[in-house]
Amino acid sequence: MHLGLDTGGTGTKFVLVDADGETVGTGEIPTNPDDPVDSFGYLPNMLNQWQGDREPLVPRVVGLACAGIVDPENLTLGRSPNLPGWEGRDLGAVLRRVFPASGIVLVNDVNAALYGEYRQGAGQGCRDLVMLALGTGVGGGVLVDGKLLTGGHHGAAELGHMVLDPQGPVCRCGNRGCLEAWAGSVALRHRARQAAQGEDDGAADLRRRAQDRGCDLDPRDLAEAAAAGNELASSIYAEAGTRLGQAVGNLLNVLDPDKVIIGGGVAQAGELLLEPCCREARRIVLAEGARETPIVPAELGVHAAAVGACWLAREAEAGG
């Protein structure tokens, strides 16, 4: 059996994959963002509950996906805003306390999600792929000839921090005008809050919706407002989609992949986001053939990174 883990700031999703590559179990345990030892301590009991009356499960290899700058050789995590207590830690050593007989692989979470889509999802049959994951922030992954592009300093494919306008809004990274400052869920919440301060009917509708929820509107709320005819909500998504299209168009010009995959919770808005994205991307692409490159939603959902981490761990074990 092989185990794939995807650790976020509040929870760690896991998948169990058998020798044939079939997913046979999924679940989630809580994450302590300040202490990986405490976080992984939940795993044996969870896996043993899944096993039932059978012998305790000892995975042959464990793939761990984390948000942030990952060093796959030393199995350490660099900058990771969602996991502050994990930064600089030897995560391989931490996992070996739990699974001393298992091989360990560490990978960036969006790289892992892209690899999962490549193996089992929207990227099957392709060798060159780009993925943008629109979540709290915006992550990215690039696959070239079936291999993940990680870079000489393990920092490649930070696509959410592509600067689209140096005079644009401030990003959480400290720069201005990053894609994340328009298309991440934090940015969309901020835009909704600003828009609700207006005087027109659309703003009043957003204020009412926020009051009904008792908190700021999230991307799903905005999408519901847009679907109900709120033009202000639609315009927020149109702006985010257009900026996303700028980034995708740049990536098509630089990398010319077989396909671009858009994932993450924000992408659940569907055509509200993808239609302006595709229109803008195709407007700025130079190669005529590249204008027809498919720009498609991800398929694997919340377990994509755990699935990809597991595949990468299996292939590392096999020497691939």
Protein backbone atom coordinates (compact mmCIF):
# COMPACT_ATOMS: atom_id res chain seq x y z
CA MET A 1 0.00 0.00 0.00
CA HIS A 2 1.10 3.59 -0.73
CA LEU A 3 0.05 6.72 1.14
CA GLY A 4 -0.38 10.25 -0.23
CA LEU A 5 -0.80 13.26 2.06
CA ASP A 6 -1.79 16.85 1.31
CA THR A 7 -1.23 19.18 4.25
CA GLY A 8 -3.02 22.52 4.47
CA GLY A 9 -3.26 25.01 7.32
CA THR A 10 -6.24 23.31 8.97
CA GLY A 11 -6.39 19.76 7.62
CA THR A 12 -4.34 17.00 5.99
CA LYS A 13 -6.11 14.95 3.34
CA PHE A 14 -4.85 11.45 2.65
CA VAL A 15 -5.34 8.80 0.00
CA LEU A 16 -4.37 5.13 0.06
CA VAL A 17 -3.38 3.59 -3.25
CA ASP A 18 -2.88 -0.11 -3.94
CA ALA A 19 -0.19 -1.78 -6.04
CA ASP A 20 -2.28 -1.32 -9.19
CA GLY A 21 -2.52 2.45 -8.71
CA GLU A 22 -6.18 2.34 -7.63
CA THR A 23 -7.34 4.66 -4.83
CA VAL A 24 -8.80 2.43 -2.14
CA GLY A 25 -9.30 4.88 0.72
CA THR A 26 -9.46 8.59 1.52
CA GLY A 27 -9.78 10.66 4.65
CA GLU A 28 -8.65 13.74 6.55
CA ILE A 29 -6.95 14.50 9.85
CA PRO A 30 -6.52 17.89 11.56
CA THR A 31 -3.33 19.88 10.94
CA ASN A 32 -1.50 21.75 13.67
CA PRO A 33 0.17 24.55 11.65
CA ASP A 34 2.70 25.06 14.42
CA ASP A 35 3.79 21.45 14.92
CA PRO A 36 4.16 18.71 12.29
CA VAL A 37 4.92 16.09 14.96
CA ASP A 38 1.53 16.69 16.55
CA SER A 39 -0.17 16.69 13.14
CA PHE A 40 1.17 13.36 11.92
CA GLY A 41 0.59 11.71 15.28
CA TYR A 42 -3.06 11.25 14.27
CA LEU A 43 -2.21 9.17 11.22
CA PRO A 44 -1.61 5.65 12.60
CA ASN A 45 -4.93 5.55 14.47
CA MET A 46 -6.80 6.90 11.47
CA LEU A 47 -5.24 4.34 9.14
CA ASN A 48 -5.78 1.51 11.58
CA GLN A 49 -9.46 2.46 11.90
CA TRP A 50 -9.66 2.26 8.13
CA GLN A 51 -8.01 -1.20 8.20
CA GLY A 52 -10.55 -2.49 10.71
CA ASP A 53 -9.69 -6.00 11.94
CA ARG A 54 -6.78 -6.39 9.55
CA GLU A 55 -3.13 -5.95 10.52
CA PRO A 56 -1.88 -2.36 11.14
CA LEU A 57 -1.19 -0.61 7.87
CA VAL A 58 2.44 0.19 7.09
CA PRO A 59 2.72 2.04 3.76
CA ARG A 60 5.67 1.09 1.57
CA VAL A 61 6.16 4.76 0.66
CA VAL A 62 4.64 8.08 1.75
CA GLY A 63 4.26 11.14 -0.49
CA LEU A 64 3.72 14.43 1.36
CA ALA A 65 2.48 17.57 -0.42
CA CYS A 66 2.80 20.95 1.33
CA ALA A 67 2.11 24.53 0.32
CA GLY A 68 5.32 26.54 0.13
CA ILE A 69 8.90 26.25 -1.06
CA VAL A 70 9.81 22.57 -0.85
CA ASP A 71 13.32 21.07 -0.85
CA PRO A 72 12.71 17.53 -2.10
CA GLU A 73 16.31 16.42 -1.55
CA ASN A 74 16.55 17.44 2.11
CA LEU A 75 12.82 16.89 2.77
CA THR A 76 12.49 20.34 4.31
CA LEU A 77 9.92 23.11 3.89
CA GLY A 78 11.00 26.72 3.32
CA ARG A 79 8.64 29.67 3.32
CA SER A 80 5.07 28.51 3.96
CA PRO A 81 2.63 31.13 5.30
CA ASN A 82 -0.03 28.52 6.13
CA LEU A 83 2.39 26.28 8.09
CA PRO A 84 4.63 28.64 10.07
CA GLY A 85 5.76 26.01 12.55
CA TRP A 86 6.82 23.67 9.76
CA GLU A 87 9.28 26.04 8.10
CA GLY A 88 12.85 24.74 8.17
CA ARG A 89 11.78 21.42 9.71
CA ASP A 90 13.08 18.05 8.54
CA LEU A 91 9.70 16.62 7.57
CA GLY A 92 11.28 13.36 6.46
CA ALA A 93 12.52 12.77 10.01
CA VAL A 94 9.11 13.69 11.42
CA LEU A 95 7.32 11.20 9.17
CA ARG A 96 9.85 8.46 9.89
CA ARG A 97 8.87 8.64 13.57
CA VAL A 98 5.41 7.54 12.47
CA PHE A 99 6.40 5.24 9.59
CA PRO A 100 10.01 4.12 10.23
CA ALA A 101 9.95 1.49 7.47
CA SER A 102 8.50 3.72 4.74
CA GLY A 103 10.20 5.71 2.01
CA ILE A 104 9.39 9.45 2.07
CA VAL A 105 8.88 11.94 -0.78
CA LEU A 106 8.17 15.67 -0.30
CA VAL A 107 6.58 17.85 -3.01
CA ASN A 108 4.93 21.26 -3.39
CA ASP A 109 1.15 20.93 -3.18
CA VAL A 110 0.27 22.40 -6.58
CA ASN A 111 3.03 20.40 -8.26
CA ALA A 112 1.47 17.35 -6.65
CA ALA A 113 -2.03 18.36 -7.77
CA LEU A 114 -0.78 18.84 -11.32
CA TYR A 115 0.86 15.42 -11.26
CA GLY A 116 -2.36 13.89 -9.99
CA GLU A 117 -4.27 15.48 -12.86
CA TYR A 118 -1.58 14.25 -15.27
CA ARG A 119 -1.92 10.68 -14.05
CA GLN A 120 -5.62 10.38 -13.29
CA GLY A 121 -7.45 13.58 -14.21
CA ALA A 122 -7.74 16.38 -16.75
CA GLY A 123 -4.14 16.04 -17.95
CA GLN A 124 -4.19 12.38 -18.97
CA GLY A 125 -2.61 11.80 -22.36
CA CYS A 126 -0.59 15.05 -22.24
CA ARG A 127 3.15 15.49 -21.73
CA ASP A 128 3.32 19.28 -21.34
CA LEU A 129 0.92 20.90 -18.87
CA VAL A 130 0.40 24.06 -16.85
CA MET A 131 -1.85 24.23 -13.80
CA LEU A 132 -3.11 27.23 -11.86
CA ALA A 133 -4.75 26.50 -8.49
CA LEU A 134 -7.01 29.31 -7.30
CA GLY A 135 -7.44 28.90 -3.56
CA THR A 136 -6.69 31.19 -0.64
CA GLY A 137 -3.84 32.34 -2.84
CA VAL A 138 -2.85 31.21 -6.32
CA GLY A 139 -0.40 28.36 -6.84
CA GLY A 140 1.07 26.96 -10.01
CA GLY A 141 2.66 23.89 -11.53
CA VAL A 142 4.43 23.15 -14.82
CA LEU A 143 5.03 19.75 -16.39
CA VAL A 144 7.52 19.50 -19.28
CA ASP A 145 7.80 16.21 -21.15
CA GLY A 146 6.20 14.39 -18.25
CA LYS A 147 8.52 15.89 -15.60
CA LEU A 148 7.70 18.55 -13.04
CA LEU A 149 9.61 21.81 -13.45
CA THR A 150 10.93 22.69 -9.98
CA GLY A 151 13.91 24.95 -10.74
CA GLY A 152 17.44 25.25 -9.44
CA HIS A 153 16.29 26.70 -6.11
CA HIS A 154 13.04 24.70 -5.76
CA GLY A 155 11.02 27.84 -6.45
CA ALA A 156 9.82 27.35 -10.03
CA ALA A 157 6.17 27.74 -11.06
CA GLU A 158 5.15 30.27 -8.41
CA LEU A 159 2.68 31.38 -11.06
CA GLY A 160 0.41 33.24 -8.66
CA HIS A 161 3.19 35.75 -8.12
CA MET A 162 3.57 36.63 -11.77
CA VAL A 163 3.38 40.44 -11.71
CA LEU A 164 0.71 41.59 -14.18
CA ASP A 165 0.64 45.27 -13.17
CA PRO A 166 3.33 46.85 -10.97
CA GLN A 167 0.81 49.53 -9.99
CA GLY A 168 -1.83 46.96 -9.10
CA PRO A 169 -3.17 45.93 -5.69
CA VAL A 170 -0.79 44.82 -2.96
CA CYS A 171 -0.35 41.05 -2.79
CA ARG A 172 0.11 39.09 0.44
CA CYS A 173 3.70 38.43 -0.66
CA GLY A 174 4.44 42.18 -0.48
CA ASN A 175 4.65 42.86 -4.21
CA ARG A 176 2.06 44.74 -6.24
CA GLY A 177 -0.08 43.42 -9.05
CA CYS A 178 0.50 39.68 -8.70
CA LEU A 179 -2.13 37.39 -10.20
CA GLU A 180 -2.95 36.28 -6.65
CA ALA A 181 -3.98 39.86 -5.79
CA TRP A 182 -6.90 39.48 -8.22
CA ALA A 183 -7.76 35.80 -8.44
CA GLY A 184 -7.19 34.31 -4.98
CA SER A 185 -10.11 33.97 -2.57
CA VAL A 186 -8.60 36.54 -0.17
CA ALA A 187 -8.49 39.06 -3.02
CA LEU A 188 -12.06 38.28 -4.08
CA ARG A 189 -13.31 38.72 -0.52
CA HIS A 190 -11.56 42.08 -0.37
CA ARG A 191 -13.06 43.16 -3.71
CA ALA A 192 -16.53 42.11 -2.54
CA ARG A 193 -16.11 44.10 0.68
CA GLN A 194 -15.07 47.18 -1.29
CA ALA A 195 -17.87 46.78 -3.81
CA ALA A 196 -20.50 46.49 -1.06
CA GLN A 197 -19.65 50.02 0.10
CA GLY A 198 -21.20 51.53 -3.02
CA GLU A 199 -24.60 53.16 -3.39
CA ASP A 200 -26.17 51.24 -6.27
CA ASP A 201 -28.57 48.29 -6.11
CA GLY A 202 -25.79 45.76 -6.66
CA ALA A 203 -23.87 47.04 -3.65
CA ALA A 204 -26.99 46.96 -1.48
CA ASP A 205 -27.58 43.36 -2.53
CA LEU A 206 -24.01 42.41 -1.58
CA ARG A 207 -24.40 44.11 1.81
CA ARG A 208 -27.63 42.22 2.44
CA ARG A 209 -26.02 38.92 1.53
CA ALA A 210 -23.07 39.64 3.84
CA GLN A 211 -25.42 40.57 6.69
CA ASP A 212 -27.37 37.34 6.17
CA ARG A 213 -24.13 35.34 6.38
CA GLY A 214 -22.75 37.34 9.29
CA CYS A 215 -19.36 37.67 7.59
CA ASP A 216 -17.68 38.76 4.37
CA LEU A 217 -18.86 37.16 1.16
CA ASP A 218 -16.66 34.33 -0.11
CA PRO A 219 -16.16 33.42 -3.80
CA ARG A 220 -19.11 31.00 -3.73
CA ASP A 221 -21.39 33.75 -2.38
CA LEU A 222 -20.17 36.09 -5.11
CA ALA A 223 -20.86 33.46 -7.75
CA GLU A 224 -24.38 32.96 -6.39
CA ALA A 225 -24.98 36.71 -6.49
CA ALA A 226 -23.72 36.86 -10.07
CA ALA A 227 -25.96 33.94 -11.07
CA ALA A 228 -28.91 35.84 -9.54
CA GLY A 229 -28.19 38.80 -11.80
CA ASN A 230 -25.96 41.00 -9.63
CA GLU A 231 -23.86 42.82 -12.22
CA LEU A 232 -21.39 44.05 -9.62
CA ALA A 233 -20.57 40.47 -8.58
CA SER A 234 -20.28 39.49 -12.25
CA SER A 235 -17.85 42.36 -12.85
CA ILE A 236 -15.62 41.20 -10.00
CA TYR A 237 -15.36 37.77 -11.58
CA ALA A 238 -14.87 39.30 -15.03
CA GLU A 239 -11.90 41.28 -13.73
CA ALA A 240 -10.41 38.23 -11.97
CA GLY A 241 -10.96 36.10 -15.08
CA THR A 242 -9.36 38.69 -17.36
CA ARG A 243 -6.29 38.89 -15.13
CA LEU A 244 -6.17 35.11 -15.05
CA GLY A 245 -6.32 35.17 -18.84
CA GLN A 246 -3.36 37.55 -18.95
CA ALA A 247 -1.34 35.09 -16.93
CA VAL A 248 -2.48 32.10 -19.00
CA GLY A 249 -1.71 33.95 -22.24
CA ASN A 250 1.80 34.72 -21.00
CA LEU A 251 2.29 31.08 -20.07
CA LEU A 252 1.07 29.92 -23.47
CA ASN A 253 3.57 32.25 -25.13
CA VAL A 254 6.43 31.04 -22.94
CA LEU A 255 5.69 27.31 -22.60
CA ASP A 256 3.22 26.33 -25.35
CA PRO A 257 1.75 23.42 -23.31
CA ASP A 258 -0.72 20.80 -24.51
CA LYS A 259 -3.31 22.01 -22.02
CA VAL A 260 -3.86 24.50 -19.18
CA ILE A 261 -5.72 23.21 -16.11
CA ILE A 262 -7.52 25.57 -13.72
CA GLY A 263 -8.25 24.19 -10.26
CA GLY A 264 -8.94 25.27 -6.70
CA GLY A 265 -12.05 26.46 -4.92
CA VAL A 266 -12.31 29.79 -6.75
CA ALA A 267 -12.50 27.91 -10.07
CA GLN A 268 -15.85 26.47 -8.95
CA ALA A 269 -17.32 29.70 -10.37
CA GLY A 270 -17.00 28.00 -13.76
CA GLU A 271 -17.71 30.11 -16.82
CA LEU A 272 -17.94 33.31 -14.75
CA LEU A 273 -14.17 32.99 -14.50
CA LEU A 274 -13.20 30.76 -17.43
CA GLU A 275 -15.01 32.68 -20.18
CA PRO A 276 -13.11 35.98 -19.65
CA CYS A 277 -9.94 33.97 -18.97
CA CYS A 278 -10.12 32.14 -22.30
CA ARG A 279 -11.06 35.28 -24.21
CA GLU A 280 -8.13 37.29 -22.83
CA ALA A 281 -5.60 34.45 -23.10
CA ARG A 282 -6.42 33.86 -26.76
CA ARG A 283 -6.26 37.58 -27.49
CA ILE A 284 -2.62 37.86 -26.45
CA VAL A 285 -1.23 34.50 -27.66
CA LEU A 286 1.09 34.88 -30.65
CA ALA A 287 1.23 31.37 -32.19
CA GLU A 288 -2.00 30.73 -34.05
CA GLY A 289 -2.10 27.06 -33.07
CA ALA A 290 -1.63 27.92 -29.39
CA ARG A 291 -4.86 29.93 -29.45
CA GLU A 292 -6.68 26.60 -29.54
CA THR A 293 -4.90 25.19 -26.49
CA PRO A 294 -7.59 23.77 -24.16
CA ILE A 295 -8.07 25.71 -20.92
CA VAL A 296 -10.04 23.31 -18.75
CA PRO A 297 -11.22 22.76 -15.16
CA ALA A 298 -9.37 20.30 -12.94
CA GLU A 299 -11.11 16.97 -12.40
CA LEU A 300 -9.78 15.40 -9.20
CA GLY A 301 -11.17 17.89 -6.70
CA VAL A 302 -9.89 18.13 -3.14
CA HIS A 303 -7.76 14.97 -3.28
CA ALA A 304 -5.70 15.95 -6.36
CA ALA A 305 -2.53 16.83 -4.43
CA ALA A 306 -2.68 13.73 -2.25
CA VAL A 307 -3.17 11.55 -5.34
CA GLY A 308 -0.25 13.25 -7.09
CA ALA A 309 2.02 12.95 -4.05
CA CYS A 310 1.24 9.26 -3.89
CA TRP A 311 2.05 8.77 -7.60
CA LEU A 312 5.34 10.62 -7.21
CA ALA A 313 6.24 8.51 -4.18
CA ARG A 314 5.42 5.26 -6.03
CA GLU A 315 7.56 6.32 -8.97
CA ALA A 316 10.45 7.34 -6.72
CA GLU A 317 10.30 3.92 -5.08
CA ALA A 318 10.37 2.27 -8.51
CA GLY A 319 13.29 4.43 -9.59
CA GLY A 320 11.24 6.38 -12.17
